Amino acid sequence: MKLDIRRSSDRGHANHGWLDSRHSFSFADYYDPKHMGFRSLRVINEDRVAPEGGFPSHPHRNMEIFSYVIDGTLEHKDSMGNGRRLKPSQIQLMSAGTGVTHSEFNPSNTEAVHFLQIWITPKQNGLTPNYSEWHPSPDTENSSKILVISADGRDGSARIQQDADVYRIRLAAGEAIEHALKPGRGLWLQMISGTATAHDCLLKAGDGASTECTGNFELHANTATEALLFDLG
């Protein structure tokens, strides 16, 4: 299986003091015509927000936006009346649809929050805004591969308005997973931590790997590894 690799060190970078952000795809002042997204996947930002820092209330529309907390606490508030404090391994997903405003803050005065902010284009514009979450249960906290986002909300996943399945991968050293990619679909793997090998390619934290080759994608963990895997129509 042929993979295209997006190295962590090649990503865009912005440091605003309160925010240190790495961009897998073009975003804000970072523009790279070769990296505008992958299928419906439009934004993967790895953000670190300083204590008591955050994004004040701002609008979004016609975008599926979710945050995956890696370390620390992320406080979310939106115009739909949702207010949450998310902990590591938890996900909040907001379907902006016809328009919402939201804010994201680090409520701690001592610890930074580290999270992935991800945008996926919806199946159509003008949808009704919606909010959902995914939290691991004691039985799934350390599952090697678990569905966290899907179009139909199956298996307790958060619901997205797009033909997209998102899996959280969590492997101990020496463990491996497979994922069958069907014809006409694309796969993106975003490494969060650890080192792993996929089809003879060494992947490290922050790296991305993509393919549109039908068949079994295989990931072997060299060290304890965490990642998100996107299966996109």
Protein backbone atom coordinates (compact mmCIF):
# COMPACT_ATOMS: atom_id res chain seq x y z
CA MET A 1 0.00 0.00 0.00
CA LYS A 2 1.50 3.33 -1.10
CA LEU A 3 1.41 6.07 1.53
CA ASP A 4 1.91 9.82 1.24
CA ILE A 5 3.66 11.12 4.35
CA ARG A 6 3.15 14.58 5.86
CA ARG A 7 6.00 15.06 8.32
CA SER A 8 5.40 16.94 11.55
CA SER A 9 8.40 19.20 10.91
CA ASP A 10 6.96 20.28 7.54
CA ARG A 11 3.68 21.57 8.97
CA GLY A 12 2.85 25.24 9.22
CA HIS A 13 3.58 26.90 12.55
CA ALA A 14 2.12 29.88 14.38
CA ASN A 15 3.11 31.06 17.85
CA HIS A 16 0.96 33.80 19.38
CA GLY A 17 2.31 33.47 22.91
CA TRP A 18 -0.89 32.14 24.44
CA LEU A 19 -1.27 29.74 21.47
CA ASP A 20 1.31 27.50 19.81
CA SER A 21 -0.21 25.80 16.78
CA ARG A 22 0.95 23.38 14.09
CA HIS A 23 -1.06 23.19 10.85
CA SER A 24 -1.18 20.03 8.73
CA PHE A 25 -3.11 21.96 6.06
CA SER A 26 -3.28 25.60 4.98
CA PHE A 27 -4.86 27.69 7.72
CA ALA A 28 -5.02 31.41 8.59
CA ASP A 29 -1.68 33.00 7.62
CA TYR A 30 -0.16 29.67 6.62
CA TYR A 31 -0.78 28.89 2.94
CA ASP A 32 0.58 25.94 0.99
CA PRO A 33 -1.28 25.08 -2.25
CA LYS A 34 0.03 21.50 -2.02
CA HIS A 35 -1.61 21.01 1.37
CA MET A 36 -5.17 22.34 1.27
CA GLY A 37 -6.81 19.29 2.81
CA PHE A 38 -7.52 15.65 2.06
CA ARG A 39 -10.95 14.79 0.70
CA SER A 40 -13.46 16.27 3.18
CA LEU A 41 -10.73 16.72 5.82
CA ARG A 42 -9.90 20.44 5.75
CA VAL A 43 -8.06 21.33 9.00
CA ILE A 44 -5.87 19.48 11.48
CA ASN A 45 -4.34 21.90 13.97
CA GLU A 46 -2.30 20.68 16.91
CA ASP A 47 -2.85 23.41 19.49
CA ARG A 48 -1.24 24.16 22.82
CA VAL A 49 -3.01 26.90 24.78
CA ALA A 50 -1.30 28.54 27.74
CA PRO A 51 -2.96 28.69 31.18
CA GLU A 52 -6.02 30.99 31.16
CA GLY A 53 -5.63 31.50 27.39
CA GLY A 54 -8.15 30.69 24.71
CA PHE A 55 -10.25 31.56 21.69
CA PRO A 56 -12.95 34.16 22.48
CA SER A 57 -16.42 33.71 21.05
CA HIS A 58 -16.34 33.65 17.23
CA PRO A 59 -18.66 32.46 14.45
CA HIS A 60 -18.58 29.37 12.23
CA ARG A 61 -20.90 28.05 9.56
CA ASN A 62 -21.07 25.08 7.19
CA MET A 63 -18.26 23.14 8.85
CA GLU A 64 -17.99 20.07 11.10
CA ILE A 65 -15.55 21.00 13.90
CA PHE A 66 -14.25 18.71 16.60
CA SER A 67 -11.62 18.86 19.31
CA TYR A 68 -9.72 15.90 20.76
CA VAL A 69 -8.06 16.65 24.09
CA ILE A 70 -4.58 15.17 24.58
CA ASP A 71 -3.51 16.81 27.88
CA GLY A 72 -5.11 19.34 30.21
CA THR A 73 -8.67 20.69 30.23
CA LEU A 74 -10.56 22.44 27.41
CA GLU A 75 -13.65 24.52 28.20
CA HIS A 76 -16.20 24.84 25.39
CA LYS A 77 -19.20 27.21 25.25
CA ASP A 78 -21.49 27.86 22.29
CA SER A 79 -24.62 29.71 21.20
CA MET A 80 -26.62 26.45 21.29
CA GLY A 81 -26.36 26.55 25.08
CA ASN A 82 -23.66 23.93 25.49
CA GLY A 83 -20.99 24.38 28.12
CA ARG A 84 -18.47 21.63 28.82
CA ARG A 85 -15.05 21.01 30.29
CA LEU A 86 -13.34 18.26 28.33
CA LYS A 87 -10.59 16.04 29.70
CA PRO A 88 -7.95 13.95 27.90
CA SER A 89 -9.31 11.40 25.39
CA GLN A 90 -12.68 13.19 25.22
CA ILE A 91 -14.14 14.67 22.03
CA GLN A 92 -16.66 17.43 21.39
CA LEU A 93 -18.10 17.78 17.88
CA MET A 94 -20.01 20.82 16.65
CA SER A 95 -21.93 20.86 13.38
CA ALA A 96 -21.90 24.58 12.63
CA GLY A 97 -24.50 24.36 9.83
CA THR A 98 -26.37 27.62 9.29
CA GLY A 99 -24.23 29.32 11.92
CA VAL A 100 -23.09 29.15 15.53
CA THR A 101 -20.69 31.03 17.77
CA HIS A 102 -18.40 29.31 20.24
CA SER A 103 -15.40 29.82 22.47
CA GLU A 104 -12.67 27.48 23.67
CA PHE A 105 -10.60 28.27 26.75
CA ASN A 106 -8.04 26.76 29.06
CA PRO A 107 -9.62 27.16 32.52
CA SER A 108 -6.43 26.17 34.37
CA ASN A 109 -4.13 28.86 35.78
CA THR A 110 -1.18 26.45 35.95
CA GLU A 111 -1.35 23.88 33.15
CA ALA A 112 -1.42 24.21 29.36
CA VAL A 113 -4.06 22.35 27.35
CA HIS A 114 -2.92 20.31 24.35
CA PHE A 115 -5.52 19.25 21.80
CA LEU A 116 -6.25 18.62 18.13
CA GLN A 117 -8.77 20.88 16.41
CA ILE A 118 -10.12 19.29 13.25
CA TRP A 119 -12.47 20.61 10.57
CA ILE A 120 -14.35 18.45 8.07
CA THR A 121 -16.57 19.89 5.33
CA PRO A 122 -20.22 18.79 5.70
CA LYS A 123 -22.21 16.76 3.19
CA GLN A 124 -24.17 19.91 2.33
CA ASN A 125 -24.48 23.53 3.40
CA GLY A 126 -27.31 25.01 5.41
CA LEU A 127 -27.79 22.16 7.87
CA THR A 128 -29.27 22.62 11.35
CA PRO A 129 -26.49 23.18 13.93
CA ASN A 130 -25.86 20.33 16.34
CA TYR A 131 -23.52 19.31 19.15
CA SER A 132 -22.37 15.88 20.33
CA GLU A 133 -19.58 14.33 22.38
CA TRP A 134 -17.64 11.10 22.72
CA HIS A 135 -16.18 9.93 26.02
CA PRO A 136 -14.29 6.68 26.56
CA SER A 137 -15.83 4.23 28.99
CA PRO A 138 -13.75 2.15 31.42
CA ASP A 139 -14.08 -0.74 28.95
CA THR A 140 -12.91 1.31 25.94
CA GLU A 141 -10.30 3.60 27.51
CA ASN A 142 -7.43 1.50 26.18
CA SER A 143 -9.08 -0.15 23.18
CA SER A 144 -6.57 -0.55 20.36
CA LYS A 145 -9.06 0.77 17.77
CA ILE A 146 -12.42 2.32 18.55
CA LEU A 147 -14.92 4.31 16.50
CA VAL A 148 -15.35 7.81 17.96
CA ILE A 149 -17.13 9.70 15.14
CA SER A 150 -19.45 8.49 12.38
CA ALA A 151 -22.29 9.67 10.15
CA ASP A 152 -24.84 7.43 11.87
CA GLY A 153 -23.61 7.66 15.47
CA ARG A 154 -23.24 3.90 15.72
CA ASP A 155 -21.54 2.18 18.63
CA GLY A 156 -21.86 5.30 20.78
CA SER A 157 -19.82 7.52 18.47
CA ALA A 158 -20.35 11.26 18.04
CA ARG A 159 -22.43 12.06 14.96
CA ILE A 160 -20.99 14.00 12.00
CA GLN A 161 -22.78 15.40 8.95
CA GLN A 162 -20.43 13.75 6.44
CA ASP A 163 -19.48 10.32 5.14
CA ALA A 164 -16.58 10.02 7.59
CA ASP A 165 -15.58 7.47 10.18
CA VAL A 166 -12.96 8.49 12.74
CA TYR A 167 -11.18 5.95 14.95
CA ARG A 168 -8.99 6.49 17.97
CA ILE A 169 -5.94 4.22 17.90
CA ARG A 170 -4.13 3.38 21.12
CA LEU A 171 -1.41 0.71 21.00
CA ALA A 172 1.20 -0.63 23.39
CA ALA A 173 4.68 -1.30 22.02
CA GLY A 174 4.55 -4.37 19.79
CA GLU A 175 0.79 -4.19 19.13
CA ALA A 176 -0.73 -3.64 15.70
CA ILE A 177 -4.04 -2.83 14.03
CA GLU A 178 -5.45 -3.25 10.53
CA HIS A 179 -8.04 -1.19 8.71
CA ALA A 180 -9.75 -2.31 5.51
CA LEU A 181 -10.08 0.60 3.09
CA LYS A 182 -12.87 0.05 0.60
CA PRO A 183 -12.81 1.15 -3.07
CA GLY A 184 -13.44 4.86 -3.61
CA ARG A 185 -12.44 5.89 -0.09
CA GLY A 186 -9.42 7.63 1.40
CA LEU A 187 -7.53 7.15 4.67
CA TRP A 188 -5.63 9.69 6.74
CA LEU A 189 -3.71 8.72 9.88
CA GLN A 190 -2.68 11.50 12.28
CA MET A 191 -0.05 10.46 14.81
CA ILE A 192 -0.51 11.96 18.28
CA SER A 193 2.27 10.28 20.25
CA GLY A 194 4.79 7.47 20.00
CA THR A 195 6.46 5.87 16.99
CA ALA A 196 4.95 3.30 14.66
CA THR A 197 5.55 1.69 11.28
CA ALA A 198 3.00 1.63 8.47
CA HIS A 199 3.94 -0.28 5.33
CA ASP A 200 7.69 0.26 5.87
CA CYS A 201 7.20 3.96 6.71
CA LEU A 202 8.34 5.12 10.15
CA LEU A 203 5.85 7.54 11.71
CA LYS A 204 6.42 9.80 14.70
CA ALA A 205 4.27 12.16 16.78
CA GLY A 206 2.73 14.86 14.59
CA ASP A 207 3.24 12.96 11.33
CA GLY A 208 0.36 12.29 8.96
CA ALA A 209 0.00 9.46 6.45
CA SER A 210 -2.61 9.17 3.71
CA THR A 211 -3.65 6.73 1.00
CA GLU A 212 -6.44 6.10 -1.47
CA CYS A 213 -5.30 2.54 -2.21
CA THR A 214 -7.92 -0.13 -1.63
CA GLY A 215 -6.87 -2.85 0.80
CA ASN A 216 -5.65 -3.41 4.34
CA PHE A 217 -3.80 -0.56 6.05
CA GLU A 218 -1.50 -1.87 8.78
CA LEU A 219 0.02 0.03 11.68
CA HIS A 220 2.61 -1.54 14.02
CA ALA A 221 3.57 0.30 17.21
CA ASN A 222 7.28 0.52 18.00
CA THR A 223 6.53 2.36 21.25
CA ALA A 224 3.26 3.21 23.00
CA THR A 225 1.31 4.98 20.25
CA GLU A 226 -1.81 7.11 19.99
CA ALA A 227 -3.34 8.29 16.71
CA LEU A 228 -6.56 9.20 14.92
CA LEU A 229 -7.53 7.33 11.77
CA PHE A 230 -9.95 8.92 9.27
CA ASP A 231 -11.86 6.78 6.73
CA LEU A 232 -13.37 9.27 4.27
CA GLY A 233 -15.85 8.90 1.43
